[in-house]
Amino acid sequence: MNPLPRWAGIAILLVIAITFSLNHIAARIAFDHGVNIVTAVVFRSAGTALAVLALLLALRTPLALPAPKLARALAIGMVVAVQSYCIYAAVARLPVALALLTFNTYPVLFALMTWAAGVERPSRGAFLAMLVALFGLALALDITRSGGELAARWDEIGTGVAFATGASLAFALMLFLNARWLHGMDGRVRSLLTMASCGAVTFTGAAATGGFAFPTDAMGWLGLTLLTLFYGSAITALFVVQPRMRSASDVAVLNIEPVALLFLGWIILGQGLSPLQIAGALVVIGSVVALGMAKR
């Protein structure tokens, strides 16, 4: 599989990031109109898997895989199920920009994973960028307080931040396993298997607990449909493009997503941030981009 020209890969990642941001806006609309988290995850996973399957059948793409690769793809789907639940749980509890800003620290975790695996060693500049990103995140979350104020703020956002952090860790693990375990696999087949596995795991859990909740009006159905469309398009494109990137650090480009959400959340959802929080968001994004550009 030939690597993409770096400019082309980065341009595609920018489009993917904006599409992911639209998915989260649609998800928040769906949640505000009766949909719960597991219903959203099942719909987006099943919708993506069925659409990709139809495409592969139409193109007569071979679907047979060696058993070890099949098992690995299905295992990655379970990781995606955890990530999906956690990020939507965060979006349901926090302003979408803050949820996604916390989640988008995953390039830091991805860089640490590749270092621990002996693939790439971060430079001193990369470590500095990671520390600055954490400082910016503290500003954006407005937790640079003291005493009772900090405790009160954490009571307000702590659960949402914990879910967003769990989503970040799961997504970084998905990228890491995707590159190491499924190298050379058609990205569309990869998307089909992981989404099918994700949907099956979530459906089983929801069916066992009676956990489905469907939209209560047309706006809810629109949000559910759009989140499936946006997420399915973005995750499939990511699976196709990521293995062809010239450097693991190039995924830092996806951190344009919370910038897009700052504007989309304000325009569509009326969710605003204070000037200090916006400054912290820009620090995080700048630091992660610097991490991506830092020599390894």
Protein backbone atom coordinates (compact mmCIF):
# COMPACT_ATOMS: atom_id res chain seq x y z
CA MET A 1 0.00 0.00 0.00
CA ASN A 2 1.71 3.18 -1.22
CA PRO A 3 1.86 6.16 1.18
CA LEU A 4 -0.14 9.24 0.24
CA PRO A 5 1.61 12.53 -0.55
CA ARG A 6 1.74 14.34 2.78
CA TRP A 7 -0.30 17.34 1.55
CA ALA A 8 -3.06 15.04 0.28
CA GLY A 9 -3.20 13.05 3.49
CA ILE A 10 -3.40 16.19 5.62
CA ALA A 11 -6.13 17.70 3.41
CA ILE A 12 -8.21 14.53 3.72
CA LEU A 13 -7.71 14.45 7.49
CA LEU A 14 -8.99 18.04 7.72
CA VAL A 15 -12.20 17.05 5.94
CA ILE A 16 -12.52 13.99 8.19
CA ALA A 17 -12.12 16.16 11.31
CA ILE A 18 -14.87 18.57 10.26
CA THR A 19 -17.16 15.65 9.40
CA PHE A 20 -16.55 14.14 12.85
CA SER A 21 -17.47 17.51 14.42
CA LEU A 22 -20.76 17.57 12.52
CA ASN A 23 -21.46 14.06 13.84
CA HIS A 24 -21.20 15.32 17.42
CA ILE A 25 -23.46 18.30 16.77
CA ALA A 26 -26.04 15.91 15.30
CA ALA A 27 -25.62 13.59 18.29
CA ARG A 28 -26.32 16.38 20.78
CA ILE A 29 -29.48 17.30 18.84
CA ALA A 30 -30.57 13.65 18.91
CA PHE A 31 -29.90 13.40 22.66
CA ASP A 32 -31.96 16.54 23.29
CA HIS A 33 -34.88 14.93 21.46
CA GLY A 34 -35.17 11.60 23.25
CA VAL A 35 -32.33 9.42 21.92
CA ASN A 36 -30.03 7.72 24.42
CA ILE A 37 -26.38 6.82 23.99
CA VAL A 38 -26.66 3.11 23.15
CA THR A 39 -29.33 3.77 20.53
CA ALA A 40 -27.05 6.32 18.85
CA VAL A 41 -24.09 3.92 18.89
CA VAL A 42 -26.14 1.01 17.49
CA PHE A 43 -27.63 3.12 14.71
CA ARG A 44 -24.37 4.69 13.61
CA SER A 45 -22.45 1.39 13.74
CA ALA A 46 -25.11 -0.69 12.00
CA GLY A 47 -25.77 2.02 9.43
CA THR A 48 -22.09 2.33 8.60
CA ALA A 49 -21.59 -1.45 8.41
CA LEU A 50 -24.60 -1.96 6.10
CA ALA A 51 -23.61 0.92 3.80
CA VAL A 52 -20.03 -0.32 3.49
CA LEU A 53 -21.19 -3.91 2.98
CA ALA A 54 -23.48 -2.81 0.13
CA LEU A 55 -20.60 -0.91 -1.46
CA LEU A 56 -18.23 -3.87 -1.18
CA LEU A 57 -20.79 -6.28 -2.63
CA ALA A 58 -21.51 -3.90 -5.50
CA LEU A 59 -17.78 -3.65 -6.25
CA ARG A 60 -17.36 -7.41 -5.76
CA THR A 61 -14.57 -6.84 -3.26
CA PRO A 62 -13.26 -10.07 -1.70
CA LEU A 63 -14.36 -10.34 1.93
CA ALA A 64 -12.58 -13.55 2.93
CA LEU A 65 -9.87 -13.02 5.55
CA PRO A 66 -7.47 -15.23 7.49
CA ALA A 67 -8.95 -16.13 10.86
CA PRO A 68 -6.31 -14.22 12.89
CA LYS A 69 -6.95 -10.96 11.00
CA LEU A 70 -10.70 -11.41 11.28
CA ALA A 71 -10.42 -11.90 15.05
CA ARG A 72 -8.23 -8.82 15.38
CA ALA A 73 -10.64 -6.66 13.38
CA LEU A 74 -13.54 -7.79 15.55
CA ALA A 75 -11.50 -7.08 18.70
CA ILE A 76 -10.79 -3.56 17.47
CA GLY A 77 -14.54 -3.17 16.99
CA MET A 78 -14.99 -3.82 20.71
CA VAL A 79 -12.52 -1.02 21.46
CA VAL A 80 -14.52 1.25 19.13
CA ALA A 81 -17.70 0.31 21.06
CA VAL A 82 -16.09 1.54 24.29
CA GLN A 83 -14.87 4.73 22.59
CA SER A 84 -18.29 5.35 21.02
CA TYR A 85 -20.16 5.01 24.29
CA CYS A 86 -17.69 7.17 26.20
CA ILE A 87 -17.60 10.06 23.72
CA TYR A 88 -21.37 10.24 23.41
CA ALA A 89 -21.69 10.07 27.20
CA ALA A 90 -19.30 13.03 27.39
CA VAL A 91 -21.19 14.98 24.69
CA ALA A 92 -24.44 14.40 26.60
CA ARG A 93 -22.92 15.86 29.80
CA LEU A 94 -20.62 18.66 28.60
CA PRO A 95 -20.68 21.43 26.00
CA VAL A 96 -19.64 19.61 22.83
CA ALA A 97 -16.49 21.72 22.37
CA LEU A 98 -15.19 20.81 25.85
CA ALA A 99 -16.05 17.13 25.42
CA LEU A 100 -14.22 16.99 22.10
CA LEU A 101 -11.30 19.08 23.33
CA THR A 102 -10.69 16.56 26.13
CA PHE A 103 -11.15 13.67 23.72
CA ASN A 104 -8.75 15.19 21.20
CA THR A 105 -5.78 14.69 23.48
CA TYR A 106 -5.63 11.22 21.93
CA PRO A 107 -2.62 12.13 19.71
CA VAL A 108 -0.64 12.56 22.95
CA LEU A 109 -1.71 9.10 24.10
CA PHE A 110 -1.07 7.68 20.63
CA ALA A 111 2.45 9.13 20.62
CA LEU A 112 3.12 7.59 24.04
CA MET A 113 1.81 4.21 22.87
CA THR A 114 4.04 4.21 19.78
CA TRP A 115 6.99 5.17 21.99
CA ALA A 116 6.24 2.41 24.52
CA ALA A 117 6.05 -0.09 21.65
CA GLY A 118 9.45 1.04 20.36
CA VAL A 119 8.01 2.43 17.11
CA GLU A 120 8.76 6.15 17.53
CA ARG A 121 10.49 7.96 20.38
CA PRO A 122 9.11 11.47 21.10
CA SER A 123 11.71 14.24 21.16
CA ARG A 124 12.20 16.67 24.02
CA GLY A 125 10.09 19.18 22.09
CA ALA A 126 7.30 16.63 21.77
CA PHE A 127 7.29 16.05 25.53
CA LEU A 128 7.11 19.82 26.10
CA ALA A 129 4.17 20.05 23.70
CA MET A 130 2.37 17.34 25.70
CA LEU A 131 2.82 19.25 28.97
CA VAL A 132 1.63 22.51 27.42
CA ALA A 133 -1.40 20.71 25.99
CA LEU A 134 -2.37 19.52 29.48
CA PHE A 135 -2.04 23.06 30.83
CA GLY A 136 -4.25 24.39 28.04
CA LEU A 137 -6.80 21.67 28.75
CA ALA A 138 -6.95 22.76 32.40
CA LEU A 139 -7.69 26.33 31.25
CA ALA A 140 -10.33 25.22 28.76
CA LEU A 141 -12.10 23.07 31.35
CA ASP A 142 -11.91 25.99 33.79
CA ILE A 143 -10.37 23.91 36.57
CA THR A 144 -7.51 26.29 37.39
CA ARG A 145 -9.18 27.17 40.65
CA SER A 146 -8.50 26.43 44.29
CA GLY A 147 -10.20 24.78 47.21
CA GLY A 148 -13.96 24.61 47.19
CA GLU A 149 -14.26 26.28 43.79
CA LEU A 150 -12.27 23.48 42.18
CA ALA A 151 -14.31 20.82 44.00
CA ALA A 152 -17.56 22.45 42.86
CA ARG A 153 -16.33 22.72 39.28
CA TRP A 154 -15.24 19.08 39.28
CA ASP A 155 -18.62 17.98 40.65
CA GLU A 156 -20.16 19.80 37.68
CA ILE A 157 -17.97 18.40 34.89
CA GLY A 158 -16.03 15.48 36.40
CA THR A 159 -18.18 12.66 35.03
CA GLY A 160 -18.22 14.13 31.53
CA VAL A 161 -14.45 14.69 31.57
CA ALA A 162 -13.88 11.12 32.76
CA PHE A 163 -15.95 9.77 29.85
CA ALA A 164 -14.12 12.01 27.37
CA THR A 165 -10.75 10.85 28.72
CA GLY A 166 -11.82 7.22 28.41
CA ALA A 167 -12.88 7.90 24.82
CA SER A 168 -9.48 9.46 24.11
CA LEU A 169 -7.63 6.44 25.47
CA ALA A 170 -9.84 4.01 23.53
CA PHE A 171 -9.45 5.95 20.27
CA ALA A 172 -5.67 6.11 20.62
CA LEU A 173 -5.65 2.34 21.24
CA MET A 174 -7.84 1.82 18.16
CA LEU A 175 -5.42 3.80 15.97
CA PHE A 176 -2.45 1.91 17.42
CA LEU A 177 -3.98 -1.54 16.90
CA ASN A 178 -5.37 -0.55 13.51
CA ALA A 179 -1.88 0.30 12.23
CA ARG A 180 -0.15 -2.74 13.77
CA TRP A 181 -2.71 -5.51 13.44
CA LEU A 182 -4.54 -4.70 10.20
CA HIS A 183 -1.72 -3.41 8.03
CA GLY A 184 -2.46 -4.06 4.36
CA MET A 185 -6.16 -4.78 4.85
CA ASP A 186 -8.60 -2.89 2.61
CA GLY A 187 -9.80 0.08 4.68
CA ARG A 188 -13.41 -0.50 3.65
CA VAL A 189 -13.30 -4.10 4.87
CA ARG A 190 -11.66 -2.88 8.06
CA SER A 191 -14.48 -0.37 8.56
CA LEU A 192 -17.14 -3.04 7.89
CA LEU A 193 -15.74 -5.48 10.43
CA THR A 194 -15.06 -2.98 13.21
CA MET A 195 -18.45 -1.27 12.84
CA ALA A 196 -20.27 -4.61 12.72
CA SER A 197 -18.47 -5.74 15.86
CA CYS A 198 -19.10 -2.40 17.60
CA GLY A 199 -22.80 -2.48 16.71
CA ALA A 200 -23.21 -6.11 17.79
CA VAL A 201 -21.58 -5.51 21.18
CA THR A 202 -23.67 -2.41 21.87
CA PHE A 203 -26.91 -3.99 20.61
CA THR A 204 -26.39 -7.03 22.83
CA GLY A 205 -25.82 -4.84 25.87
CA ALA A 206 -28.82 -2.63 25.13
CA ALA A 207 -31.13 -5.58 24.38
CA ALA A 208 -30.13 -7.27 27.62
CA THR A 209 -30.92 -4.17 29.68
CA GLY A 210 -33.85 -2.77 27.70
CA GLY A 211 -31.74 0.29 27.10
CA PHE A 212 -33.06 1.60 23.77
CA ALA A 213 -34.65 5.06 23.57
CA PHE A 214 -35.83 6.39 20.21
CA PRO A 215 -36.42 9.97 19.03
CA THR A 216 -39.55 11.68 20.26
CA ASP A 217 -39.99 13.92 17.20
CA ALA A 218 -38.79 14.63 13.65
CA MET A 219 -35.82 16.69 14.85
CA GLY A 220 -34.60 13.71 16.87
CA TRP A 221 -34.83 11.43 13.85
CA LEU A 222 -32.95 13.99 11.75
CA GLY A 223 -30.18 14.15 14.36
CA LEU A 224 -29.96 10.35 14.53
CA THR A 225 -29.83 10.04 10.74
CA LEU A 226 -27.20 12.75 10.34
CA LEU A 227 -24.94 11.42 13.09
CA THR A 228 -24.98 8.02 11.35
CA LEU A 229 -24.19 9.59 7.97
CA PHE A 230 -21.43 11.88 9.24
CA TYR A 231 -19.79 9.30 11.50
CA GLY A 232 -19.95 6.50 8.94
CA SER A 233 -18.35 8.66 6.26
CA ALA A 234 -15.62 9.95 8.57
CA ILE A 235 -14.62 6.68 10.23
CA THR A 236 -14.53 4.80 6.92
CA ALA A 237 -12.34 7.50 5.37
CA LEU A 238 -10.07 7.42 8.42
CA PHE A 239 -9.62 3.65 8.19
CA VAL A 240 -8.69 4.01 4.52
CA VAL A 241 -6.32 6.97 4.94
CA GLN A 242 -4.57 6.40 8.28
CA PRO A 243 -2.49 3.36 7.24
CA ARG A 244 -1.27 5.35 4.22
CA MET A 245 -0.04 8.36 6.21
CA ARG A 246 3.71 8.86 6.11
CA SER A 247 4.00 9.46 9.87
CA ALA A 248 1.90 8.43 12.87
CA SER A 249 2.13 12.02 14.12
CA ASP A 250 0.15 13.32 11.13
CA VAL A 251 -3.07 12.29 12.88
CA ALA A 252 -2.58 15.45 14.99
CA VAL A 253 -4.26 17.27 12.09
CA LEU A 254 -7.56 15.83 13.32
CA ASN A 255 -7.37 18.32 16.19
CA ILE A 256 -9.04 20.90 13.97
CA GLU A 257 -12.23 19.16 15.13
CA PRO A 258 -12.68 21.06 18.42
CA VAL A 259 -11.95 24.34 16.62
CA ALA A 260 -14.81 23.60 14.24
CA LEU A 261 -16.97 22.64 17.22
CA LEU A 262 -16.28 25.94 18.98
CA PHE A 263 -18.04 27.68 16.11
CA LEU A 264 -20.63 25.02 15.29
CA GLY A 265 -21.61 24.59 18.95
CA TRP A 266 -22.07 28.34 19.30
CA ILE A 267 -23.97 28.83 16.01
CA ILE A 268 -26.18 25.71 16.09
CA LEU A 269 -26.50 24.82 19.79
CA GLY A 270 -25.90 28.19 21.43
CA GLN A 271 -23.07 26.77 23.57
CA GLY A 272 -20.44 29.42 24.27
CA LEU A 273 -17.14 29.44 26.16
CA SER A 274 -15.44 32.22 28.11
CA PRO A 275 -12.43 34.02 26.58
CA LEU A 276 -10.11 32.15 28.99
CA GLN A 277 -11.58 28.80 27.97
CA ILE A 278 -11.20 29.65 24.28
CA ALA A 279 -7.57 30.63 24.94
CA GLY A 280 -7.02 27.28 26.67
CA ALA A 281 -8.62 25.46 23.74
CA LEU A 282 -6.27 27.18 21.31
CA VAL A 283 -3.29 26.27 23.53
CA VAL A 284 -4.31 22.60 23.46
CA ILE A 285 -4.82 22.58 19.72
CA GLY A 286 -1.59 24.45 19.02
CA SER A 287 0.35 22.11 21.29
CA VAL A 288 -1.01 18.97 19.68
CA VAL A 289 -0.28 20.35 16.21
CA ALA A 290 3.26 21.14 17.43
CA LEU A 291 3.49 17.57 18.69
CA GLY A 292 2.59 16.34 15.22
CA MET A 293 5.25 18.52 13.63
CA ALA A 294 7.97 17.80 16.18
CA LYS A 295 10.90 15.66 15.04
CA ARG A 296 10.72 12.16 16.49
